[in-house]
């Protein structure tokens, strides 16, 4: 089954380019196209879609607001930003709003199909320049000045259940399994079940890796 893709973009040249790219592939199909904010809002609520391609620079809407609206309407939708903006502010706002990929428009080519498939399968395609901005932003932070991300955002980002979020916090705080079980009023066996699900969703394989992931994303696990 092909991946359904909705396009939110006001530049007709970019739209035509995307139509050509998708028309040459059997892996993706265009579900809908919106060229302004009003049409985008209608598209979001009326056309269930696997992947949304969102332009940030619409004439009558903030693309980041549309990203947030997509995630509220369908938390499972995948969002890929296509933008001319490559600065840290636009990138971080988009990711915080729910985008899981960010590509610059001058890099749109036939490889876009592969990147959409990767996004649909859980990946986070980024333009090299965007990746550098993110790394530079992180490296410029002073020690201990990690931006704290709310639990709800972490839960949405990795599709964690409430119990998995609590387990994540206790695990990163260094508590042993038996203590976690006692605090959550469950058995150690159940804690281990939560941990297996947690490790799989975070794509880690140990407590140390989970702590490193928490620090990387700014998850506040202090009690």
Protein backbone atom coordinates (compact mmCIF):
# COMPACT_ATOMS: atom_id res chain seq x y z
CA UNK A 1 0.00 0.00 0.00
CA UNK A 2 1.38 3.41 -0.93
CA UNK A 3 2.00 6.17 1.61
CA UNK A 4 -0.55 8.99 1.42
CA UNK A 5 1.00 12.45 1.38
CA UNK A 6 -0.66 15.83 1.79
CA UNK A 7 1.17 18.95 0.64
CA UNK A 8 0.84 22.35 2.35
CA UNK A 9 2.77 24.73 0.11
CA UNK A 10 2.02 28.09 -1.53
CA UNK A 11 4.85 28.12 -4.10
CA UNK A 12 3.36 26.65 -7.28
CA UNK A 13 6.81 25.81 -8.65
CA UNK A 14 7.51 23.65 -5.60
CA UNK A 15 4.06 22.07 -5.85
CA UNK A 16 4.66 21.21 -9.51
CA UNK A 17 8.05 19.74 -8.63
CA UNK A 18 6.50 17.57 -5.91
CA UNK A 19 3.72 16.42 -8.22
CA UNK A 20 6.35 15.30 -10.73
CA UNK A 21 8.35 13.44 -8.08
CA UNK A 22 5.33 11.62 -6.66
CA UNK A 23 3.95 10.89 -10.10
CA UNK A 24 7.07 8.89 -10.91
CA UNK A 25 6.85 6.68 -7.80
CA UNK A 26 4.48 3.94 -6.72
CA UNK A 27 5.55 4.26 -3.05
CA UNK A 28 3.74 7.53 -2.36
CA UNK A 29 0.54 9.14 -3.56
CA UNK A 30 -0.75 12.68 -3.14
CA UNK A 31 -3.79 12.82 -0.85
CA UNK A 32 -4.36 16.55 -1.06
CA UNK A 33 -2.78 19.94 -1.70
CA UNK A 34 -3.33 23.21 0.18
CA UNK A 35 -1.83 26.51 -0.95
CA UNK A 36 -2.83 28.66 2.04
CA UNK A 37 -3.68 28.43 5.72
CA UNK A 38 -7.44 28.18 5.33
CA UNK A 39 -7.18 25.37 2.79
CA UNK A 40 -4.58 23.66 4.99
CA UNK A 41 -6.92 23.61 7.98
CA UNK A 42 -9.65 22.02 5.86
CA UNK A 43 -7.16 19.50 4.48
CA UNK A 44 -5.99 18.53 7.96
CA UNK A 45 -9.44 17.73 9.30
CA UNK A 46 -11.01 16.24 6.17
CA UNK A 47 -8.25 14.11 4.61
CA UNK A 48 -6.62 11.47 6.87
CA UNK A 49 -3.01 11.34 5.71
CA UNK A 50 0.10 9.33 6.56
CA UNK A 51 2.60 12.13 5.90
CA UNK A 52 2.19 15.90 5.74
CA UNK A 53 4.72 18.08 3.92
CA UNK A 54 4.48 21.53 5.50
CA UNK A 55 5.88 24.85 4.31
CA UNK A 56 6.52 27.31 7.15
CA UNK A 57 6.20 30.48 5.08
CA UNK A 58 2.54 30.57 4.09
CA UNK A 59 1.14 34.06 3.42
CA UNK A 60 -1.79 33.74 5.84
CA UNK A 61 -0.64 31.22 8.45
CA UNK A 62 2.29 30.19 10.62
CA UNK A 63 3.44 26.78 9.42
CA UNK A 64 4.46 25.81 12.96
CA UNK A 65 0.87 26.41 14.10
CA UNK A 66 -0.28 24.06 11.35
CA UNK A 67 2.20 21.42 12.53
CA UNK A 68 0.68 21.67 16.01
CA UNK A 69 -2.83 21.44 14.56
CA UNK A 70 -1.92 18.30 12.62
CA UNK A 71 -0.56 16.63 15.75
CA UNK A 72 -3.65 17.58 17.76
CA UNK A 73 -5.97 16.21 15.09
CA UNK A 74 -3.94 13.05 14.42
CA UNK A 75 -1.09 12.28 16.86
CA UNK A 76 0.07 9.45 14.59
CA UNK A 77 0.55 11.60 11.49
CA UNK A 78 4.14 12.09 10.31
CA UNK A 79 5.19 15.66 9.53
CA UNK A 80 8.08 16.72 7.31
CA UNK A 81 8.87 20.43 7.06
CA UNK A 82 9.99 21.72 3.66
CA UNK A 83 11.30 25.24 4.11
CA UNK A 84 13.69 27.92 2.94
CA UNK A 85 14.31 28.78 6.60
CA UNK A 86 17.39 27.03 7.97
CA UNK A 87 17.89 28.95 11.20
CA UNK A 88 17.79 27.47 14.70
CA UNK A 89 14.58 29.27 15.69
CA UNK A 90 12.46 27.82 12.88
CA UNK A 91 14.03 24.38 13.21
CA UNK A 92 13.59 24.05 16.98
CA UNK A 93 10.04 25.48 16.93
CA UNK A 94 9.05 23.01 14.22
CA UNK A 95 10.50 20.00 16.02
CA UNK A 96 8.98 21.07 19.34
CA UNK A 97 5.60 21.39 17.61
CA UNK A 98 5.74 17.82 16.35
CA UNK A 99 7.69 17.75 13.06
CA UNK A 100 9.92 14.69 12.77
CA UNK A 101 11.86 15.77 9.69
CA UNK A 102 13.16 19.05 8.28
CA UNK A 103 14.43 19.54 4.73
CA UNK A 104 15.49 22.68 2.92
CA UNK A 105 13.66 23.33 -0.33
CA UNK A 106 16.81 23.60 -2.43
CA UNK A 107 17.47 19.92 -1.65
CA UNK A 108 14.17 18.64 -3.05
CA UNK A 109 14.86 15.89 -5.58
CA UNK A 110 13.87 12.30 -6.35
CA UNK A 111 15.46 11.15 -3.08
CA UNK A 112 12.53 12.78 -1.31
CA UNK A 113 10.57 9.55 -1.76
CA UNK A 114 13.21 7.59 0.19
CA UNK A 115 13.15 10.22 2.93
CA UNK A 116 9.37 10.08 3.21
CA UNK A 117 9.48 6.28 3.45
CA UNK A 118 12.14 6.60 6.17
CA UNK A 119 9.99 9.13 8.03
CA UNK A 120 6.96 6.85 7.78
CA UNK A 121 9.06 4.02 9.21
CA UNK A 122 10.14 6.06 12.24
CA UNK A 123 13.15 7.95 10.90
CA UNK A 124 13.87 11.67 11.10
CA UNK A 125 15.23 12.94 7.76
CA UNK A 126 17.20 16.18 8.08
CA UNK A 127 19.09 18.27 5.59
CA UNK A 128 22.83 18.24 6.41
CA UNK A 129 22.71 21.99 7.08
CA UNK A 130 19.78 21.49 9.46
CA UNK A 131 21.65 18.75 11.30
CA UNK A 132 24.62 21.07 11.74
CA UNK A 133 22.39 23.80 13.18
CA UNK A 134 20.97 21.34 15.71
CA UNK A 135 24.42 20.07 16.70
CA UNK A 136 25.78 23.61 17.00
CA UNK A 137 22.80 24.60 19.14
CA UNK A 138 23.42 21.69 21.50
CA UNK A 139 27.18 22.20 21.64
CA UNK A 140 26.77 25.88 22.52
CA UNK A 141 24.80 25.09 25.66
CA UNK A 142 26.70 25.49 28.89
CA UNK A 143 26.98 22.36 31.09
CA UNK A 144 23.75 21.69 32.91
CA UNK A 145 21.75 24.13 30.79
CA UNK A 146 19.71 21.52 28.93
CA UNK A 147 16.36 22.83 27.74
CA UNK A 148 13.72 20.92 29.67
CA UNK A 149 11.07 19.14 27.61
CA UNK A 150 7.65 18.51 29.22
CA UNK A 151 6.65 14.91 29.92
CA UNK A 152 3.70 15.20 27.55
CA UNK A 153 6.00 16.14 24.67
CA UNK A 154 8.32 13.21 25.39
CA UNK A 155 5.34 10.86 25.59
CA UNK A 156 4.04 12.10 22.24
CA UNK A 157 7.48 12.09 20.65
CA UNK A 158 8.07 8.41 21.40
CA UNK A 159 4.46 7.22 21.81
CA UNK A 160 5.01 6.33 25.49
CA UNK A 161 2.20 5.29 27.79
CA UNK A 162 1.83 7.11 31.15
CA UNK A 163 3.33 4.13 32.97
CA UNK A 164 6.27 4.04 30.55
CA UNK A 165 6.94 7.74 31.18
CA UNK A 166 6.98 7.16 34.94
CA UNK A 167 9.25 4.14 34.49
CA UNK A 168 11.53 6.27 32.28
CA UNK A 169 11.84 8.90 35.01
CA UNK A 170 12.57 6.40 37.77
CA UNK A 171 15.04 4.51 35.59
CA UNK A 172 16.99 7.65 34.69
CA UNK A 173 17.02 8.71 38.33
CA UNK A 174 19.01 5.55 39.07
CA UNK A 175 16.38 3.65 41.04
CA UNK A 176 16.61 -0.17 41.06
CA UNK A 177 13.84 -2.26 39.56
CA UNK A 178 12.50 -3.37 42.95
CA UNK A 179 12.24 0.23 44.15
CA UNK A 180 10.51 1.31 40.95
CA UNK A 181 8.03 -1.55 41.38
CA UNK A 182 7.30 -0.55 44.98
CA UNK A 183 6.82 3.13 44.09
CA UNK A 184 4.45 2.24 41.22
CA UNK A 185 2.66 -0.46 43.25
CA UNK A 186 3.34 -3.10 40.60
CA UNK A 187 5.51 -6.19 40.37
CA UNK A 188 9.15 -6.14 39.21
CA UNK A 189 8.01 -8.36 36.34
CA UNK A 190 5.62 -5.63 35.17
CA UNK A 191 8.38 -3.02 35.47
CA UNK A 192 10.57 -5.15 33.23
CA UNK A 193 7.73 -5.34 30.71
CA UNK A 194 7.51 -1.54 30.69
CA UNK A 195 11.28 -1.36 30.27
CA UNK A 196 11.23 -3.66 27.25
CA UNK A 197 8.58 -1.50 25.60
CA UNK A 198 10.44 1.67 26.60
CA UNK A 199 13.80 0.50 25.23
CA UNK A 200 12.17 -0.50 21.95
CA UNK A 201 10.42 2.84 21.51
CA UNK A 202 13.52 4.84 22.46
CA UNK A 203 15.73 2.60 20.30
CA UNK A 204 18.13 1.95 23.20
CA UNK A 205 19.38 -1.25 24.83
CA UNK A 206 20.41 -0.32 28.36
CA UNK A 207 19.82 2.01 31.30
CA UNK A 208 22.92 4.03 30.35
CA UNK A 209 21.63 4.51 26.83
CA UNK A 210 18.21 5.54 28.17
CA UNK A 211 19.81 8.15 30.44
CA UNK A 212 21.89 9.45 27.52
CA UNK A 213 18.72 9.71 25.42
CA UNK A 214 16.94 11.59 28.22
CA UNK A 215 19.80 14.06 28.50
CA UNK A 216 19.96 14.51 24.74
CA UNK A 217 16.28 15.38 24.38
CA UNK A 218 16.17 17.45 27.58
CA UNK A 219 13.78 15.17 29.47
CA UNK A 220 13.46 16.36 33.07
CA UNK A 221 13.55 13.18 35.13
CA UNK A 222 14.50 14.73 38.48
CA UNK A 223 12.24 13.72 41.37
